N, C-alpha and C. Protein backbone atom coordinates (compact mmCIF):
# COMPACT_ATOMS: atom_id res chain seq x y z
N ALA A 1 -12.12 -8.29 -2.04
CA ALA A 1 -13.51 -8.69 -1.99
C ALA A 1 -14.43 -7.51 -2.29
N GLU A 2 -14.06 -6.33 -1.80
CA GLU A 2 -14.87 -5.14 -2.03
C GLU A 2 -14.93 -4.79 -3.52
N LEU A 3 -13.79 -4.92 -4.21
CA LEU A 3 -13.76 -4.63 -5.65
C LEU A 3 -14.64 -5.61 -6.42
N LEU A 4 -14.62 -6.88 -6.02
CA LEU A 4 -15.46 -7.87 -6.68
C LEU A 4 -16.94 -7.57 -6.45
N ASP A 5 -17.27 -7.17 -5.23
CA ASP A 5 -18.67 -6.81 -4.93
C ASP A 5 -19.12 -5.64 -5.80
N ARG A 6 -18.26 -4.63 -5.91
CA ARG A 6 -18.63 -3.45 -6.68
C ARG A 6 -18.78 -3.76 -8.17
N ALA A 7 -18.02 -4.77 -8.64
CA ALA A 7 -18.11 -5.16 -10.05
C ALA A 7 -19.30 -6.07 -10.32
N GLY A 8 -20.07 -6.39 -9.28
CA GLY A 8 -21.27 -7.20 -9.48
C GLY A 8 -21.09 -8.67 -9.23
N TRP A 9 -19.88 -9.08 -8.81
CA TRP A 9 -19.63 -10.50 -8.54
C TRP A 9 -19.99 -10.78 -7.08
N ARG A 10 -21.18 -11.31 -6.86
CA ARG A 10 -21.69 -11.57 -5.51
C ARG A 10 -21.57 -13.05 -5.16
N LYS A 11 -21.32 -13.33 -3.89
CA LYS A 11 -21.23 -14.72 -3.45
C LYS A 11 -22.60 -15.37 -3.46
N GLY A 12 -22.64 -16.60 -3.99
CA GLY A 12 -23.88 -17.35 -4.06
C GLY A 12 -23.75 -18.67 -3.33
N PRO A 13 -24.53 -19.68 -3.73
CA PRO A 13 -24.47 -21.00 -3.10
C PRO A 13 -23.05 -21.58 -3.15
N GLY A 14 -22.61 -22.13 -2.04
CA GLY A 14 -21.28 -22.72 -1.99
C GLY A 14 -20.18 -21.71 -1.77
N GLY A 15 -20.52 -20.42 -1.71
CA GLY A 15 -19.51 -19.39 -1.49
C GLY A 15 -18.83 -18.89 -2.74
N TRP A 16 -19.24 -19.38 -3.94
CA TRP A 16 -18.62 -18.95 -5.19
C TRP A 16 -19.31 -17.70 -5.72
N ARG A 17 -18.54 -16.83 -6.30
CA ARG A 17 -19.08 -15.58 -6.82
C ARG A 17 -19.72 -15.80 -8.19
N ARG A 18 -20.82 -15.10 -8.40
CA ARG A 18 -21.55 -15.16 -9.66
C ARG A 18 -22.00 -13.76 -10.04
N ARG A 19 -22.27 -13.60 -11.35
CA ARG A 19 -22.77 -12.31 -11.83
C ARG A 19 -23.71 -12.54 -12.99
N LYS A 20 -24.69 -11.67 -13.12
CA LYS A 20 -25.60 -11.75 -14.26
C LYS A 20 -24.90 -11.24 -15.51
N CYS A 21 -24.87 -12.07 -16.54
CA CYS A 21 -24.25 -11.69 -17.81
C CYS A 21 -25.26 -11.93 -18.92
N PHE A 22 -25.24 -11.06 -19.91
CA PHE A 22 -26.15 -11.18 -21.04
C PHE A 22 -25.36 -11.65 -22.26
N TYR A 23 -25.87 -12.69 -22.92
CA TYR A 23 -25.20 -13.23 -24.10
C TYR A 23 -26.21 -13.47 -25.21
N LEU A 24 -25.74 -13.36 -26.42
CA LEU A 24 -26.50 -13.77 -27.58
C LEU A 24 -25.89 -15.08 -28.06
N ARG A 25 -26.65 -16.15 -28.01
CA ARG A 25 -26.11 -17.45 -28.38
C ARG A 25 -26.16 -17.64 -29.89
N GLU A 26 -25.07 -18.16 -30.42
CA GLU A 26 -24.97 -18.42 -31.85
C GLU A 26 -24.78 -19.91 -32.08
N LYS A 27 -24.80 -20.32 -33.34
CA LYS A 27 -24.60 -21.73 -33.67
C LYS A 27 -23.17 -22.14 -33.33
N GLY A 28 -23.00 -23.41 -33.06
CA GLY A 28 -21.68 -23.93 -32.75
C GLY A 28 -21.27 -23.71 -31.30
N GLY A 29 -22.19 -23.24 -30.49
CA GLY A 29 -21.88 -23.05 -29.08
C GLY A 29 -21.15 -21.78 -28.75
N LYS A 30 -20.86 -20.93 -29.75
CA LYS A 30 -20.16 -19.68 -29.48
C LYS A 30 -21.11 -18.69 -28.82
N ARG A 31 -20.55 -17.90 -27.89
CA ARG A 31 -21.36 -16.93 -27.19
C ARG A 31 -20.75 -15.54 -27.39
N TRP A 32 -21.59 -14.59 -27.75
CA TRP A 32 -21.13 -13.23 -27.97
C TRP A 32 -21.80 -12.32 -26.96
N ARG A 33 -21.04 -11.41 -26.39
CA ARG A 33 -21.58 -10.50 -25.37
C ARG A 33 -22.64 -9.59 -25.99
N LEU A 34 -23.75 -9.44 -25.29
CA LEU A 34 -24.85 -8.60 -25.76
C LEU A 34 -25.24 -7.67 -24.63
N ASP A 35 -25.32 -6.38 -24.90
CA ASP A 35 -25.75 -5.44 -23.88
C ASP A 35 -27.19 -5.75 -23.48
N PRO A 36 -27.52 -5.58 -22.20
CA PRO A 36 -28.89 -5.87 -21.76
C PRO A 36 -29.92 -5.04 -22.52
N VAL A 37 -30.94 -5.69 -23.02
CA VAL A 37 -32.04 -5.02 -23.70
C VAL A 37 -33.34 -5.54 -23.10
N LYS A 38 -34.40 -4.84 -23.36
CA LYS A 38 -35.69 -5.23 -22.81
C LYS A 38 -36.05 -6.64 -23.29
N GLY A 39 -36.37 -7.50 -22.35
CA GLY A 39 -36.74 -8.86 -22.69
C GLY A 39 -35.59 -9.84 -22.65
N SER A 40 -34.34 -9.34 -22.49
CA SER A 40 -33.20 -10.24 -22.43
C SER A 40 -33.23 -11.05 -21.13
N VAL A 41 -32.78 -12.28 -21.22
CA VAL A 41 -32.71 -13.14 -20.05
C VAL A 41 -31.24 -13.30 -19.66
N PRO A 42 -30.84 -12.86 -18.48
CA PRO A 42 -29.44 -12.94 -18.11
C PRO A 42 -29.02 -14.36 -17.77
N GLU A 43 -27.77 -14.65 -18.00
CA GLU A 43 -27.17 -15.92 -17.60
C GLU A 43 -26.39 -15.67 -16.31
N ILE A 44 -26.62 -16.47 -15.30
CA ILE A 44 -25.88 -16.35 -14.05
C ILE A 44 -24.56 -17.09 -14.22
N ARG A 45 -23.50 -16.35 -14.33
CA ARG A 45 -22.21 -16.94 -14.67
C ARG A 45 -21.27 -16.93 -13.47
N PRO A 46 -20.63 -18.06 -13.14
CA PRO A 46 -19.69 -18.09 -12.02
C PRO A 46 -18.36 -17.45 -12.42
N PHE A 47 -17.66 -16.93 -11.43
CA PHE A 47 -16.34 -16.36 -11.68
C PHE A 47 -15.34 -17.51 -11.61
N THR A 48 -15.01 -18.06 -12.75
CA THR A 48 -14.07 -19.17 -12.83
C THR A 48 -13.18 -18.99 -14.04
N PHE A 49 -11.94 -19.40 -13.92
CA PHE A 49 -11.01 -19.32 -15.05
C PHE A 49 -9.99 -20.44 -14.93
N GLN A 50 -9.33 -20.73 -16.06
CA GLN A 50 -8.33 -21.79 -16.10
C GLN A 50 -6.94 -21.19 -15.99
N LEU A 51 -6.13 -21.77 -15.13
CA LEU A 51 -4.76 -21.32 -14.91
C LEU A 51 -3.80 -22.37 -15.45
N LEU A 52 -3.05 -22.02 -16.48
CA LEU A 52 -2.08 -22.94 -17.07
C LEU A 52 -0.74 -22.81 -16.36
N LEU A 53 -0.02 -23.92 -16.26
CA LEU A 53 1.34 -23.87 -15.75
C LEU A 53 2.13 -25.01 -16.36
N PRO A 54 3.45 -24.85 -16.49
CA PRO A 54 4.28 -25.92 -17.05
C PRO A 54 4.41 -27.07 -16.07
N ALA A 55 4.27 -28.28 -16.56
CA ALA A 55 4.39 -29.46 -15.71
C ALA A 55 5.84 -29.69 -15.31
N GLY A 56 6.03 -30.32 -14.16
CA GLY A 56 7.36 -30.73 -13.75
C GLY A 56 8.03 -29.87 -12.71
N SER A 57 7.47 -28.70 -12.42
CA SER A 57 8.08 -27.82 -11.42
C SER A 57 7.26 -27.89 -10.14
N SER A 58 7.83 -28.50 -9.11
CA SER A 58 7.10 -28.61 -7.84
C SER A 58 6.91 -27.24 -7.20
N ALA A 59 7.89 -26.34 -7.37
CA ALA A 59 7.77 -25.00 -6.79
C ALA A 59 6.61 -24.24 -7.42
N THR A 60 6.52 -24.28 -8.76
CA THR A 60 5.44 -23.58 -9.45
C THR A 60 4.09 -24.19 -9.08
N THR A 61 4.03 -25.51 -9.02
CA THR A 61 2.78 -26.18 -8.67
C THR A 61 2.32 -25.79 -7.27
N ASN A 62 3.25 -25.79 -6.31
CA ASN A 62 2.89 -25.42 -4.94
C ASN A 62 2.40 -23.98 -4.85
N LEU A 63 3.05 -23.08 -5.59
CA LEU A 63 2.63 -21.68 -5.58
C LEU A 63 1.26 -21.53 -6.23
N ALA A 64 1.03 -22.28 -7.32
CA ALA A 64 -0.27 -22.22 -7.99
C ALA A 64 -1.38 -22.72 -7.06
N LEU A 65 -1.11 -23.77 -6.31
CA LEU A 65 -2.11 -24.30 -5.38
C LEU A 65 -2.41 -23.30 -4.27
N ARG A 66 -1.38 -22.62 -3.78
CA ARG A 66 -1.60 -21.60 -2.75
C ARG A 66 -2.43 -20.45 -3.29
N TRP A 67 -2.13 -20.04 -4.53
CA TRP A 67 -2.88 -18.94 -5.15
C TRP A 67 -4.33 -19.35 -5.37
N ARG A 68 -4.52 -20.60 -5.83
CA ARG A 68 -5.88 -21.12 -6.04
C ARG A 68 -6.67 -21.08 -4.73
N ASP A 69 -6.03 -21.51 -3.64
CA ASP A 69 -6.72 -21.54 -2.34
C ASP A 69 -7.04 -20.13 -1.86
N ALA A 70 -6.13 -19.18 -2.11
CA ALA A 70 -6.38 -17.79 -1.70
C ALA A 70 -7.55 -17.21 -2.49
N LEU A 71 -7.62 -17.51 -3.78
CA LEU A 71 -8.73 -17.03 -4.60
C LEU A 71 -10.04 -17.67 -4.16
N ALA A 72 -9.98 -18.95 -3.79
CA ALA A 72 -11.19 -19.65 -3.35
C ALA A 72 -11.79 -18.99 -2.11
N ARG A 73 -10.92 -18.48 -1.25
CA ARG A 73 -11.43 -17.80 -0.05
C ARG A 73 -12.19 -16.52 -0.41
N LEU A 74 -11.88 -15.96 -1.59
CA LEU A 74 -12.60 -14.78 -2.08
C LEU A 74 -13.83 -15.16 -2.89
N GLY A 75 -13.99 -16.46 -3.16
CA GLY A 75 -15.14 -16.90 -3.94
C GLY A 75 -14.86 -17.03 -5.42
N VAL A 76 -13.58 -17.03 -5.81
CA VAL A 76 -13.19 -17.15 -7.22
C VAL A 76 -12.57 -18.52 -7.43
N LYS A 77 -13.03 -19.22 -8.47
CA LYS A 77 -12.55 -20.58 -8.73
C LYS A 77 -11.51 -20.58 -9.85
N ALA A 78 -10.28 -20.99 -9.51
CA ALA A 78 -9.21 -21.14 -10.49
C ALA A 78 -8.99 -22.62 -10.74
N GLU A 79 -9.10 -23.05 -11.98
CA GLU A 79 -8.91 -24.45 -12.35
C GLU A 79 -7.50 -24.61 -12.92
N ILE A 80 -6.66 -25.38 -12.24
CA ILE A 80 -5.26 -25.52 -12.62
C ILE A 80 -5.10 -26.63 -13.66
N LEU A 81 -4.35 -26.32 -14.71
CA LEU A 81 -4.04 -27.31 -15.74
C LEU A 81 -2.55 -27.26 -16.02
N ALA A 82 -1.83 -28.35 -15.68
CA ALA A 82 -0.40 -28.45 -15.93
C ALA A 82 -0.17 -29.15 -17.27
N LEU A 83 0.63 -28.55 -18.13
CA LEU A 83 0.89 -29.09 -19.46
C LEU A 83 2.39 -29.26 -19.66
N GLU A 84 2.77 -30.27 -20.44
CA GLU A 84 4.18 -30.41 -20.77
C GLU A 84 4.61 -29.23 -21.65
N LYS A 85 5.91 -29.00 -21.74
CA LYS A 85 6.45 -27.75 -22.26
C LYS A 85 5.91 -27.36 -23.63
N SER A 86 5.92 -28.28 -24.59
CA SER A 86 5.50 -27.93 -25.95
C SER A 86 4.02 -27.57 -26.00
N ALA A 87 3.19 -28.31 -25.27
CA ALA A 87 1.75 -28.02 -25.24
C ALA A 87 1.48 -26.70 -24.52
N PHE A 88 2.23 -26.45 -23.46
CA PHE A 88 2.10 -25.20 -22.71
C PHE A 88 2.43 -24.00 -23.60
N GLN A 89 3.56 -24.08 -24.30
CA GLN A 89 3.97 -22.98 -25.17
C GLN A 89 3.02 -22.80 -26.34
N ALA A 90 2.49 -23.90 -26.87
CA ALA A 90 1.54 -23.80 -27.98
C ALA A 90 0.29 -23.03 -27.56
N ARG A 91 -0.19 -23.28 -26.35
CA ARG A 91 -1.36 -22.55 -25.85
C ARG A 91 -1.03 -21.07 -25.67
N LEU A 92 0.16 -20.78 -25.15
CA LEU A 92 0.53 -19.38 -24.91
C LEU A 92 0.64 -18.61 -26.21
N PHE A 93 1.37 -19.16 -27.17
CA PHE A 93 1.65 -18.41 -28.40
C PHE A 93 0.48 -18.39 -29.37
N SER A 94 -0.54 -19.21 -29.12
CA SER A 94 -1.78 -19.10 -29.89
C SER A 94 -2.83 -18.28 -29.12
N HIS A 95 -2.42 -17.75 -27.97
CA HIS A 95 -3.28 -16.89 -27.14
C HIS A 95 -4.54 -17.62 -26.69
N ALA A 96 -4.43 -18.94 -26.50
CA ALA A 96 -5.59 -19.76 -26.10
C ALA A 96 -5.51 -20.07 -24.61
N PHE A 97 -5.65 -19.04 -23.79
CA PHE A 97 -5.57 -19.25 -22.34
C PHE A 97 -6.26 -18.10 -21.62
N ASP A 98 -6.68 -18.39 -20.38
CA ASP A 98 -7.23 -17.35 -19.51
C ASP A 98 -6.12 -16.69 -18.70
N ALA A 99 -5.31 -17.52 -18.06
CA ALA A 99 -4.19 -17.03 -17.25
C ALA A 99 -3.12 -18.12 -17.24
N ALA A 100 -1.88 -17.73 -17.00
CA ALA A 100 -0.79 -18.70 -17.01
C ALA A 100 0.32 -18.24 -16.08
N PHE A 101 0.97 -19.22 -15.44
CA PHE A 101 2.18 -18.96 -14.67
C PHE A 101 3.36 -19.11 -15.62
N MET A 102 4.18 -18.09 -15.71
CA MET A 102 5.34 -18.17 -16.59
C MET A 102 6.36 -17.13 -16.16
N ALA A 103 7.53 -17.18 -16.78
CA ALA A 103 8.59 -16.22 -16.47
C ALA A 103 9.36 -15.91 -17.74
N TRP A 104 9.89 -14.70 -17.80
CA TRP A 104 10.77 -14.30 -18.89
C TRP A 104 12.17 -14.07 -18.31
N SER A 105 13.19 -14.49 -19.06
CA SER A 105 14.57 -14.17 -18.68
C SER A 105 14.95 -12.86 -19.37
N PRO A 106 15.50 -11.90 -18.64
CA PRO A 106 15.83 -10.62 -19.28
C PRO A 106 16.97 -10.75 -20.26
N GLY A 107 16.96 -9.93 -21.28
CA GLY A 107 18.07 -9.88 -22.21
C GLY A 107 19.20 -9.06 -21.62
N VAL A 108 20.38 -9.16 -22.24
CA VAL A 108 21.51 -8.37 -21.77
C VAL A 108 21.21 -6.88 -21.94
N ASP A 109 20.49 -6.53 -23.00
CA ASP A 109 20.08 -5.14 -23.24
C ASP A 109 18.57 -5.04 -23.05
N PRO A 110 18.08 -4.00 -22.39
CA PRO A 110 16.64 -3.91 -22.12
C PRO A 110 15.75 -3.74 -23.34
N TYR A 111 16.33 -3.45 -24.52
CA TYR A 111 15.48 -3.29 -25.71
C TYR A 111 14.74 -4.58 -26.04
N THR A 112 15.27 -5.73 -25.59
CA THR A 112 14.62 -7.00 -25.90
C THR A 112 13.24 -7.11 -25.25
N SER A 113 12.96 -6.28 -24.26
CA SER A 113 11.66 -6.34 -23.59
C SER A 113 10.53 -5.77 -24.45
N GLU A 114 10.87 -5.06 -25.54
CA GLU A 114 9.82 -4.47 -26.38
C GLU A 114 8.95 -5.55 -27.01
N ASP A 115 9.53 -6.69 -27.35
CA ASP A 115 8.74 -7.76 -27.96
C ASP A 115 7.76 -8.38 -26.96
N ILE A 116 8.02 -8.19 -25.67
CA ILE A 116 7.15 -8.73 -24.63
C ILE A 116 6.04 -7.75 -24.27
N PHE A 117 6.39 -6.47 -24.15
CA PHE A 117 5.43 -5.48 -23.65
C PHE A 117 4.96 -4.47 -24.70
N GLY A 118 5.66 -4.37 -25.81
CA GLY A 118 5.30 -3.39 -26.84
C GLY A 118 4.29 -3.94 -27.83
N SER A 119 3.64 -3.02 -28.56
CA SER A 119 2.64 -3.44 -29.55
C SER A 119 3.25 -4.27 -30.67
N LYS A 120 4.55 -4.10 -30.93
CA LYS A 120 5.21 -4.87 -31.99
C LYS A 120 5.15 -6.37 -31.72
N GLY A 121 5.04 -6.74 -30.46
CA GLY A 121 5.03 -8.16 -30.11
C GLY A 121 3.68 -8.83 -30.22
N TRP A 122 2.65 -8.10 -30.68
CA TRP A 122 1.31 -8.67 -30.82
C TRP A 122 0.87 -8.62 -32.28
N PRO A 123 0.31 -9.73 -32.83
CA PRO A 123 0.01 -11.01 -32.16
C PRO A 123 1.05 -12.08 -32.41
N ASN A 124 2.10 -11.77 -33.20
CA ASN A 124 3.03 -12.82 -33.62
C ASN A 124 4.35 -12.82 -32.86
N GLY A 125 4.44 -12.07 -31.79
CA GLY A 125 5.66 -12.06 -31.00
C GLY A 125 5.44 -12.64 -29.62
N LYS A 126 6.10 -12.04 -28.64
CA LYS A 126 6.03 -12.55 -27.27
C LYS A 126 5.05 -11.78 -26.39
N ASN A 127 4.32 -10.83 -26.98
CA ASN A 127 3.29 -10.11 -26.23
C ASN A 127 2.06 -11.00 -26.16
N LEU A 128 2.10 -11.97 -25.27
CA LEU A 128 1.12 -13.06 -25.27
C LEU A 128 -0.27 -12.62 -24.85
N GLY A 129 -0.35 -11.59 -24.00
CA GLY A 129 -1.65 -11.15 -23.52
C GLY A 129 -2.29 -10.05 -24.36
N GLY A 130 -1.58 -9.56 -25.38
CA GLY A 130 -2.14 -8.53 -26.23
C GLY A 130 -2.13 -7.14 -25.61
N PHE A 131 -1.23 -6.89 -24.67
CA PHE A 131 -1.15 -5.57 -24.04
C PHE A 131 -0.64 -4.55 -25.05
N ARG A 132 -1.31 -3.40 -25.11
CA ARG A 132 -0.88 -2.32 -26.00
C ARG A 132 -1.05 -0.98 -25.29
N ASP A 133 -0.01 -0.17 -25.37
CA ASP A 133 -0.03 1.15 -24.74
C ASP A 133 0.78 2.11 -25.61
N SER A 134 0.13 3.14 -26.13
CA SER A 134 0.78 4.04 -27.08
C SER A 134 1.94 4.81 -26.46
N LEU A 135 1.81 5.19 -25.19
CA LEU A 135 2.91 5.92 -24.53
C LEU A 135 4.12 5.02 -24.37
N LEU A 136 3.90 3.77 -24.00
CA LEU A 136 5.01 2.82 -23.86
C LEU A 136 5.70 2.62 -25.21
N ASP A 137 4.92 2.50 -26.28
CA ASP A 137 5.50 2.35 -27.62
C ASP A 137 6.35 3.56 -27.99
N THR A 138 5.90 4.76 -27.60
CA THR A 138 6.67 5.97 -27.87
C THR A 138 8.00 5.94 -27.14
N PHE A 139 7.98 5.53 -25.89
CA PHE A 139 9.23 5.44 -25.11
C PHE A 139 10.20 4.44 -25.74
N TYR A 140 9.68 3.29 -26.19
CA TYR A 140 10.54 2.29 -26.82
C TYR A 140 11.18 2.85 -28.10
N ALA A 141 10.40 3.57 -28.91
CA ALA A 141 10.93 4.16 -30.14
C ALA A 141 12.01 5.19 -29.83
N GLN A 142 11.81 5.99 -28.80
CA GLN A 142 12.80 6.99 -28.42
C GLN A 142 14.08 6.32 -27.92
N ALA A 143 13.93 5.25 -27.14
CA ALA A 143 15.10 4.55 -26.61
C ALA A 143 15.90 3.89 -27.73
N ALA A 144 15.20 3.36 -28.73
CA ALA A 144 15.88 2.70 -29.84
C ALA A 144 16.69 3.69 -30.68
N ALA A 145 16.24 4.95 -30.72
CA ALA A 145 16.92 5.97 -31.53
C ALA A 145 17.98 6.73 -30.74
N GLU A 146 18.06 6.49 -29.44
CA GLU A 146 18.99 7.23 -28.58
C GLU A 146 20.34 6.52 -28.48
N SER A 147 21.43 7.25 -28.70
CA SER A 147 22.77 6.65 -28.63
C SER A 147 23.51 7.02 -27.35
N ASP A 148 23.06 8.08 -26.66
CA ASP A 148 23.73 8.47 -25.42
C ASP A 148 23.32 7.51 -24.30
N PRO A 149 24.26 6.83 -23.66
CA PRO A 149 23.92 5.82 -22.66
C PRO A 149 23.09 6.37 -21.49
N ALA A 150 23.42 7.57 -21.01
CA ALA A 150 22.69 8.12 -19.86
C ALA A 150 21.24 8.44 -20.23
N ARG A 151 21.04 9.06 -21.40
CA ARG A 151 19.67 9.39 -21.81
C ARG A 151 18.89 8.12 -22.14
N ARG A 152 19.59 7.13 -22.68
CA ARG A 152 18.94 5.85 -22.99
C ARG A 152 18.50 5.16 -21.70
N MET A 153 19.34 5.19 -20.69
CA MET A 153 18.98 4.60 -19.40
C MET A 153 17.77 5.30 -18.80
N ALA A 154 17.73 6.63 -18.93
CA ALA A 154 16.59 7.38 -18.39
C ALA A 154 15.29 6.97 -19.08
N LEU A 155 15.36 6.72 -20.39
CA LEU A 155 14.16 6.30 -21.12
C LEU A 155 13.71 4.91 -20.69
N TYR A 156 14.66 4.01 -20.47
CA TYR A 156 14.26 2.67 -20.04
C TYR A 156 13.72 2.67 -18.61
N LYS A 157 14.17 3.60 -17.79
CA LYS A 157 13.56 3.75 -16.46
C LYS A 157 12.11 4.18 -16.60
N LYS A 158 11.83 5.09 -17.55
CA LYS A 158 10.45 5.49 -17.82
C LYS A 158 9.63 4.30 -18.30
N ILE A 159 10.24 3.49 -19.16
CA ILE A 159 9.55 2.31 -19.70
C ILE A 159 9.13 1.36 -18.58
N PHE A 160 10.05 1.04 -17.70
CA PHE A 160 9.73 0.05 -16.67
C PHE A 160 8.85 0.63 -15.57
N ARG A 161 8.91 1.93 -15.35
CA ARG A 161 7.93 2.54 -14.44
C ARG A 161 6.53 2.46 -15.04
N ARG A 162 6.45 2.67 -16.36
CA ARG A 162 5.15 2.57 -17.04
C ARG A 162 4.61 1.14 -16.98
N ILE A 163 5.48 0.17 -17.20
CA ILE A 163 5.07 -1.24 -17.12
C ILE A 163 4.58 -1.57 -15.71
N HIS A 164 5.30 -1.08 -14.71
CA HIS A 164 4.89 -1.33 -13.32
C HIS A 164 3.52 -0.71 -13.04
N ARG A 165 3.26 0.46 -13.61
CA ARG A 165 1.98 1.13 -13.37
C ARG A 165 0.84 0.43 -14.08
N GLU A 166 1.05 0.03 -15.34
CA GLU A 166 -0.04 -0.53 -16.15
C GLU A 166 -0.27 -2.01 -15.90
N GLN A 167 0.73 -2.73 -15.39
CA GLN A 167 0.59 -4.14 -15.01
C GLN A 167 0.07 -5.03 -16.14
N PRO A 168 0.80 -5.12 -17.27
CA PRO A 168 0.38 -6.08 -18.30
C PRO A 168 0.47 -7.52 -17.82
N TYR A 169 1.28 -7.74 -16.81
CA TYR A 169 1.36 -9.02 -16.11
C TYR A 169 1.05 -8.75 -14.64
N LEU A 170 0.61 -9.78 -13.95
CA LEU A 170 0.50 -9.70 -12.50
C LEU A 170 1.82 -10.23 -11.95
N PHE A 171 2.75 -9.32 -11.68
CA PHE A 171 4.08 -9.71 -11.25
C PHE A 171 4.01 -10.25 -9.82
N LEU A 172 4.49 -11.47 -9.62
CA LEU A 172 4.32 -12.16 -8.35
C LEU A 172 5.60 -12.33 -7.56
N TRP A 173 6.67 -12.77 -8.20
CA TRP A 173 7.89 -13.03 -7.45
C TRP A 173 9.07 -13.08 -8.40
N PHE A 174 10.27 -13.07 -7.81
CA PHE A 174 11.51 -13.25 -8.56
C PHE A 174 12.37 -14.19 -7.74
N PHE A 175 12.69 -15.35 -8.33
CA PHE A 175 13.50 -16.33 -7.61
C PHE A 175 14.98 -15.92 -7.63
N PRO A 176 15.61 -15.78 -6.47
CA PRO A 176 17.05 -15.48 -6.46
C PRO A 176 17.86 -16.74 -6.78
N ASP A 177 19.04 -16.53 -7.37
CA ASP A 177 19.96 -17.64 -7.61
C ASP A 177 20.90 -17.78 -6.42
N LEU A 178 21.19 -18.99 -6.06
CA LEU A 178 22.16 -19.26 -4.99
C LEU A 178 23.30 -20.06 -5.60
N TRP A 179 24.50 -19.47 -5.60
CA TRP A 179 25.68 -20.13 -6.14
C TRP A 179 26.63 -20.45 -4.98
N ILE A 180 27.10 -21.69 -4.95
CA ILE A 180 28.09 -22.11 -3.97
C ILE A 180 29.38 -22.38 -4.74
N LEU A 181 30.41 -21.58 -4.48
CA LEU A 181 31.62 -21.61 -5.29
C LEU A 181 32.85 -21.90 -4.44
N LYS A 182 33.83 -22.54 -5.05
CA LYS A 182 35.09 -22.79 -4.37
C LYS A 182 35.89 -21.49 -4.29
N PRO A 183 36.63 -21.29 -3.22
CA PRO A 183 37.35 -20.02 -3.03
C PRO A 183 38.49 -19.80 -4.01
N ASP A 184 38.93 -20.84 -4.76
CA ASP A 184 40.04 -20.63 -5.69
C ASP A 184 39.58 -20.23 -7.08
N LEU A 185 38.28 -20.01 -7.28
CA LEU A 185 37.79 -19.58 -8.59
C LEU A 185 38.08 -18.10 -8.80
N ARG A 186 38.46 -17.75 -10.03
CA ARG A 186 38.76 -16.37 -10.39
C ARG A 186 37.95 -15.99 -11.64
N GLY A 187 37.90 -14.71 -11.92
CA GLY A 187 37.21 -14.23 -13.12
C GLY A 187 35.70 -14.26 -13.02
N LEU A 188 35.19 -14.33 -11.79
CA LEU A 188 33.74 -14.41 -11.62
C LEU A 188 33.08 -13.12 -12.07
N ALA A 189 32.05 -13.25 -12.88
CA ALA A 189 31.30 -12.09 -13.35
C ALA A 189 29.85 -12.50 -13.55
N PHE A 190 28.95 -11.63 -13.16
CA PHE A 190 27.51 -11.87 -13.31
C PHE A 190 26.89 -10.71 -14.07
N GLY A 191 26.00 -11.04 -14.99
CA GLY A 191 25.31 -10.02 -15.77
C GLY A 191 23.85 -9.93 -15.40
N PRO A 192 23.04 -9.24 -16.23
CA PRO A 192 21.60 -9.13 -15.94
C PRO A 192 20.89 -10.47 -15.85
N ARG A 193 21.46 -11.49 -16.47
CA ARG A 193 20.85 -12.82 -16.45
C ARG A 193 21.61 -13.76 -15.52
N GLY A 194 22.32 -13.21 -14.55
CA GLY A 194 23.09 -14.05 -13.65
C GLY A 194 24.43 -14.41 -14.26
N ALA A 195 24.82 -15.68 -14.12
CA ALA A 195 26.10 -16.13 -14.65
C ALA A 195 25.98 -16.63 -16.08
N LEU A 196 24.76 -16.70 -16.62
CA LEU A 196 24.54 -17.29 -17.93
C LEU A 196 24.01 -16.25 -18.91
N GLY A 197 24.05 -16.59 -20.20
CA GLY A 197 23.41 -15.76 -21.21
C GLY A 197 24.21 -14.55 -21.65
N PHE A 198 25.50 -14.50 -21.34
CA PHE A 198 26.33 -13.41 -21.85
C PHE A 198 27.75 -13.93 -22.00
N THR A 199 28.58 -13.18 -22.70
CA THR A 199 29.95 -13.59 -22.97
C THR A 199 30.92 -12.73 -22.15
N PRO A 200 31.95 -13.34 -21.52
CA PRO A 200 32.31 -14.76 -21.58
C PRO A 200 31.52 -15.65 -20.63
N GLY A 201 30.86 -15.06 -19.61
CA GLY A 201 30.10 -15.91 -18.70
C GLY A 201 30.97 -16.94 -18.01
N LEU A 202 30.48 -18.17 -17.98
CA LEU A 202 31.22 -19.24 -17.30
C LEU A 202 32.56 -19.52 -17.96
N MET A 203 32.66 -19.22 -19.27
CA MET A 203 33.92 -19.49 -19.97
C MET A 203 35.04 -18.57 -19.49
N GLY A 204 34.70 -17.49 -18.80
CA GLY A 204 35.71 -16.59 -18.28
C GLY A 204 36.19 -16.94 -16.88
N TRP A 205 35.63 -17.99 -16.31
CA TRP A 205 36.04 -18.40 -14.97
C TRP A 205 37.28 -19.30 -15.06
N TRP A 206 38.13 -19.22 -14.08
CA TRP A 206 39.31 -20.07 -14.05
C TRP A 206 39.72 -20.31 -12.60
N ALA A 207 40.49 -21.38 -12.40
CA ALA A 207 40.92 -21.76 -11.06
C ALA A 207 42.33 -21.26 -10.81
N ALA A 208 42.55 -20.71 -9.63
CA ALA A 208 43.88 -20.25 -9.25
C ALA A 208 44.80 -21.43 -9.00
N ALA A 209 46.08 -21.16 -8.97
CA ALA A 209 47.05 -22.22 -8.69
C ALA A 209 46.82 -22.76 -7.28
N PRO A 210 47.14 -24.03 -7.05
CA PRO A 210 46.94 -24.62 -5.72
C PRO A 210 47.59 -23.78 -4.63
N GLY A 211 46.89 -23.61 -3.54
CA GLY A 211 47.43 -22.86 -2.42
C GLY A 211 47.08 -21.40 -2.43
N ILE A 212 46.53 -20.89 -3.55
CA ILE A 212 46.16 -19.48 -3.63
C ILE A 212 44.66 -19.36 -3.37
N GLY A 213 44.29 -18.47 -2.52
CA GLY A 213 42.87 -18.23 -2.28
C GLY A 213 42.36 -18.89 -1.01
N GLY A 214 43.20 -19.59 -0.28
CA GLY A 214 42.77 -20.16 0.99
C GLY A 214 42.16 -21.53 0.85
């Protein structure tokens, strides 16, 4: 609340935050930001944004509602819009959104994260928010050219520390997987993506002979 106050977002009627904003209105309803000048008339604009989420997930919907309610207590209005998968992805990849609930599955190798967080992924890749950081790009280039596993790991640690510091996403949670398995299963192996998304994965599992394994 203190940060919002300092940024000029003050609570008004109904408890919603508002701020004076200056705009130059153009044809077609488009509004372009204009620095305050003598004679300008400010527009009192509420702090509101649209939050997209994929339809069909009760867990995501419940979390979005809790987040909306928490923001409302601060005077910020989040309008939730649930879209079916194709419409949701179309909005994301055309960068036509304010905020969205989503998740990425990690690749087996961390280099796949460059398309999400690196400049190479904007605007036609998976860098949906347009985040760009020259130091992060340098680390990715160094990691791609490094063949020594230990030095490569050290570079990727730098990369993810940088991502944690700069926060291109507001990281909220990580859902753990719960697997219930029979005791006679053998060959169990889990990778960075759990039991899926790598070889042999589930195809490497097998059942022991009857009576073995309890």
